[in-house]
C-alpha atoms as a PDB file:
ATOM      1  CA  MET A   1      -0.086  -0.122  -0.066  1.00  0.00           C
ATOM      2  CA  ILE A   2       1.366   3.510  -0.809  1.00  0.00           C
ATOM      3  CA  CYS A   3       0.136   6.713   0.772  1.00  0.00           C
ATOM      4  CA  TRP A   4      -0.171   9.698  -1.445  1.00  0.00           C
ATOM      5  CA  LYS A   5      -0.266  13.081   0.007  1.00  0.00           C
ATOM      6  CA  LEU A   6      -1.451  16.242  -1.973  1.00  0.00           C
ATOM      7  CA  SER A   7       0.970  18.980  -1.134  1.00  0.00           C
ATOM      8  CA  GLY A   8      -0.898  21.785  -2.918  1.00  0.00           C
ATOM      9  CA  LYS A   9      -0.819  23.829  -6.131  1.00  0.00           C
ATOM     10  CA  VAL A  10       2.511  25.387  -7.346  1.00  0.00           C
ATOM     11  CA  ASN A  11       2.357  27.167 -10.609  1.00  0.00           C
ATOM     12  CA  ASN A  12      -1.078  25.527 -11.335  1.00  0.00           C
ATOM     13  CA  PHE A  13       0.447  21.906 -11.019  1.00  0.00           C
ATOM     14  CA  LEU A  14      -0.432  19.623  -8.430  1.00  0.00           C
ATOM     15  CA  HIS A  15       2.539  17.976  -6.867  1.00  0.00           C
ATOM     16  CA  LEU A  16       2.200  14.398  -5.323  1.00  0.00           C
ATOM     17  CA  ILE A  17       4.541  13.144  -2.650  1.00  0.00           C
ATOM     18  CA  VAL A  18       4.797   9.613  -2.137  1.00  0.00           C
ATOM     19  CA  PHE A  19       5.515   8.086   1.136  1.00  0.00           C
ATOM     20  CA  SER A  20       6.442   4.399   1.844  1.00  0.00           C
ATOM     21  CA  THR A  21       4.227   1.954   3.767  1.00  0.00           C
ATOM     22  CA  ILE A  22       7.005   1.856   6.251  1.00  0.00           C
ATOM     23  CA  ALA A  23       6.138   5.423   7.394  1.00  0.00           C
ATOM     24  CA  LYS A  24       4.171   5.375  10.640  1.00  0.00           C
ATOM     25  CA  LYS A  25       1.451   7.711   9.284  1.00  0.00           C
ATOM     26  CA  CYS A  26       0.534   4.995   6.590  1.00  0.00           C
ATOM     27  CA  GLN A  27      -0.183   2.264   9.162  1.00  0.00           C
ATOM     28  CA  SER A  28      -3.775   1.553   9.097  1.00  0.00           C
ATOM     29  CA  TYR A  29      -6.039   0.312  11.669  1.00  0.00           C
ATOM     30  CA  GLU A  30      -6.365  -3.131  10.146  1.00  0.00           C
ATOM     31  CA  ARG A  31      -2.495  -3.713  10.489  1.00  0.00           C
ATOM     32  CA  LEU A  32      -2.386  -3.076  14.118  1.00  0.00           C
ATOM     33  CA  SER A  33      -1.979  -5.965  16.671  1.00  0.00           C
ATOM     34  CA  VAL A  34      -4.923  -7.082  18.693  1.00  0.00           C
ATOM     35  CA  GLU A  35      -3.634  -5.379  21.704  1.00  0.00           C
ATOM     36  CA  ASP A  36      -3.405  -2.075  20.025  1.00  0.00           C
ATOM     37  CA  LYS A  37      -6.810  -2.475  18.538  1.00  0.00           C
ATOM     38  CA  GLN A  38      -8.266  -3.183  21.785  1.00  0.00           C
ATOM     39  CA  LYS A  39      -6.741   0.025  23.308  1.00  0.00           C
ATOM     40  CA  ILE A  40      -7.955   2.096  20.393  1.00  0.00           C
ATOM     41  CA  LYS A  41     -11.512   0.642  20.865  1.00  0.00           C
ATOM     42  CA  SER A  42     -11.324   1.636  24.595  1.00  0.00           C
ATOM     43  CA  ILE A  43     -10.426   5.147  23.792  1.00  0.00           C
ATOM     44  CA  LEU A  44     -13.269   5.191  21.328  1.00  0.00           C
ATOM     45  CA  TYR A  45     -15.548   3.887  24.077  1.00  0.00           C
ATOM     46  CA  ILE A  46     -14.618   6.729  26.565  1.00  0.00           C
ATOM     47  CA  MET A  47     -14.813   9.315  23.866  1.00  0.00           C
ATOM     48  CA  ASP A  48     -18.390   8.164  23.084  1.00  0.00           C
ATOM     49  CA  LYS A  49     -19.392   7.857  26.772  1.00  0.00           C
ATOM     50  CA  PHE A  50     -18.026  11.354  27.679  1.00  0.00           C
ATOM     51  CA  SER A  51     -18.936  13.036  24.266  1.00  0.00           C
ATOM     52  CA  VAL A  52     -15.431  13.911  23.490  1.00  0.00           C
ATOM     53  CA  SER A  53     -15.045  15.017  19.691  1.00  0.00           C
ATOM     54  CA  GLN A  54     -12.497  13.881  17.220  1.00  0.00           C
ATOM     55  CA  GLU A  55     -11.051  17.446  17.274  1.00  0.00           C
ATOM     56  CA  ALA A  56     -10.543  17.518  20.938  1.00  0.00           C
ATOM     57  CA  TYR A  57      -8.696  14.099  20.887  1.00  0.00           C
ATOM     58  CA  HIS A  58      -6.599  15.576  18.063  1.00  0.00           C
ATOM     59  CA  GLU A  59      -5.526  18.350  20.176  1.00  0.00           C
ATOM     60  CA  LEU A  60      -4.720  15.891  23.053  1.00  0.00           C
ATOM     61  CA  THR A  61      -2.538  13.938  20.821  1.00  0.00           C
ATOM     62  CA  GLN A  62      -0.564  17.079  19.882  1.00  0.00           C
ATOM     63  CA  GLN A  63       0.141  17.643  23.674  1.00  0.00           C
ATOM     64  CA  ASP A  64       0.993  13.941  24.453  1.00  0.00           C
ATOM     65  CA  PRO A  65       2.612  11.958  21.647  1.00  0.00           C
ATOM     66  CA  THR A  66       2.275   8.609  23.556  1.00  0.00           C
ATOM     67  CA  LEU A  67      -1.434   8.583  22.717  1.00  0.00           C
ATOM     68  CA  PRO A  68      -2.602   6.774  19.585  1.00  0.00           C
ATOM     69  CA  ARG A  69      -2.788   9.140  16.708  1.00  0.00           C
ATOM     70  CA  SER A  70      -6.359  10.437  15.663  1.00  0.00           C
ATOM     71  CA  TYR A  71      -6.186   8.964  12.152  1.00  0.00           C
ATOM     72  CA  LEU A  72      -6.029   5.509  13.835  1.00  0.00           C
ATOM     73  CA  LEU A  73      -9.159   6.255  15.815  1.00  0.00           C
ATOM     74  CA  LYS A  74     -10.802   7.427  12.609  1.00  0.00           C
ATOM     75  CA  GLY A  75      -9.890   4.244  10.933  1.00  0.00           C
ATOM     76  CA  CYS A  76     -11.344   2.184  13.826  1.00  0.00           C
ATOM     77  CA  GLN A  77     -14.462   4.142  13.810  1.00  0.00           C
ATOM     78  CA  GLN A  78     -14.796   3.464  10.059  1.00  0.00           C
ATOM     79  CA  PHE A  79     -13.975  -0.172  10.465  1.00  0.00           C
ATOM     80  CA  LEU A  80     -16.719  -0.508  13.060  1.00  0.00           C
ATOM     81  CA  ASP A  81     -19.243   1.377  11.102  1.00  0.00           C
ATOM     82  CA  ASP A  82     -18.565  -0.724   8.129  1.00  0.00           C
ATOM     83  CA  GLU A  83     -19.644  -3.835   9.989  1.00  0.00           C
ATOM     84  CA  TRP A  84     -23.376  -2.533  10.113  1.00  0.00           C
ATOM     85  CA  LYS A  85     -25.778  -1.436   7.702  1.00  0.00           C
ATOM     86  CA  VAL A  86     -27.418   1.485   9.483  1.00  0.00           C
ATOM     87  CA  THR A  87     -30.392   3.222   7.670  1.00  0.00           C
ATOM     88  CA  ARG A  88     -32.598   6.009   8.447  1.00  0.00           C
ATOM     89  CA  THR A  89     -36.133   5.147   9.637  1.00  0.00           C
ATOM     90  CA  PRO A  90     -38.810   5.562   7.016  1.00  0.00           C
ATOM     91  CA  GLY A  91     -41.191   8.597   7.253  1.00  0.00           C
ATOM     92  CA  GLU A  92     -40.898  11.667   9.370  1.00  0.00           C
ATOM     93  CA  CYS A  93     -39.678  10.059  12.552  1.00  0.00           C
ATOM     94  CA  PRO A  94     -36.019  10.710  13.286  1.00  0.00           C
ATOM     95  CA  GLY A  95     -33.841   7.482  13.940  1.00  0.00           C
ATOM     96  CA  ALA A  96     -32.175   4.782  12.621  1.00  0.00           C
ATOM     97  CA  GLU A  97     -32.601   1.111  12.042  1.00  0.00           C
ATOM     98  CA  LEU A  98     -30.856  -2.147  11.452  1.00  0.00           C
ATOM     99  CA  PRO A  99     -32.216  -4.507   8.829  1.00  0.00           C
ATOM    100  CA  PHE A 100     -33.463  -7.294  11.135  1.00  0.00           C
ATOM    101  CA  LYS A 101     -33.913  -9.774   8.317  1.00  0.00           C
ATOM    102  CA  GLU A 102     -30.275  -9.532   7.007  1.00  0.00           C
ATOM    103  CA  LEU A 103     -28.973  -9.689  10.571  1.00  0.00           C
ATOM    104  CA  LEU A 104     -31.001 -12.752  11.360  1.00  0.00           C
ATOM    105  CA  GLU A 105     -29.828 -14.500   8.084  1.00  0.00           C
ATOM    106  CA  ILE A 106     -26.247 -13.916   8.856  1.00  0.00           C
ATOM    107  CA  GLU A 107     -26.465 -15.238  12.418  1.00  0.00           C
ATOM    108  CA  LEU A 108     -28.367 -18.281  11.186  1.00  0.00           C
ATOM    109  CA  ARG A 109     -25.554 -18.928   8.594  1.00  0.00           C
ATOM    110  CA  LYS A 110     -23.072 -18.731  11.393  1.00  0.00           C
ATOM    111  CA  GLN A 111     -25.045 -21.268  13.499  1.00  0.00           C
ATOM    112  CA  VAL A 112     -25.283 -23.610  10.468  1.00  0.00           C
ATOM    113  CA  ASN A 113     -21.567 -23.486   9.738  1.00  0.00           C
ATOM    114  CA  ILE A 114     -20.768 -24.130  13.645  1.00  0.00           C
ATOM    115  CA  ILE A 115     -23.167 -27.155  13.578  1.00  0.00           C
ATOM    116  CA  SER A 116     -21.906 -28.567  10.080  1.00  0.00           C
ATOM    117  CA  PHE A 117     -18.182 -28.734  11.470  1.00  0.00           C
END
């Protein structure tokens, strides 16, 4: 995987800077160890519980470099969001819903696979 960073316009030309995958900034959430993933999930839980914004956490990471970088938290959040298919509730009522039929089918397939082995 190669990370691309857009450096801006100079004389109406866009310059792309290529960073290697070895660079720490390119490390994605999926490539972290299980222990690091759990630490990031714990931080996301605390942020959600106390309504701490991504911007506030970013500022904290600027003061304390030992905290996981905010892009890793965003990657974790995206990874968790991609696991669910959340849709708006129909009509005028505000809210969200999960597709029960699809979730039931997934769970039944898991159970069938467990029984068949």
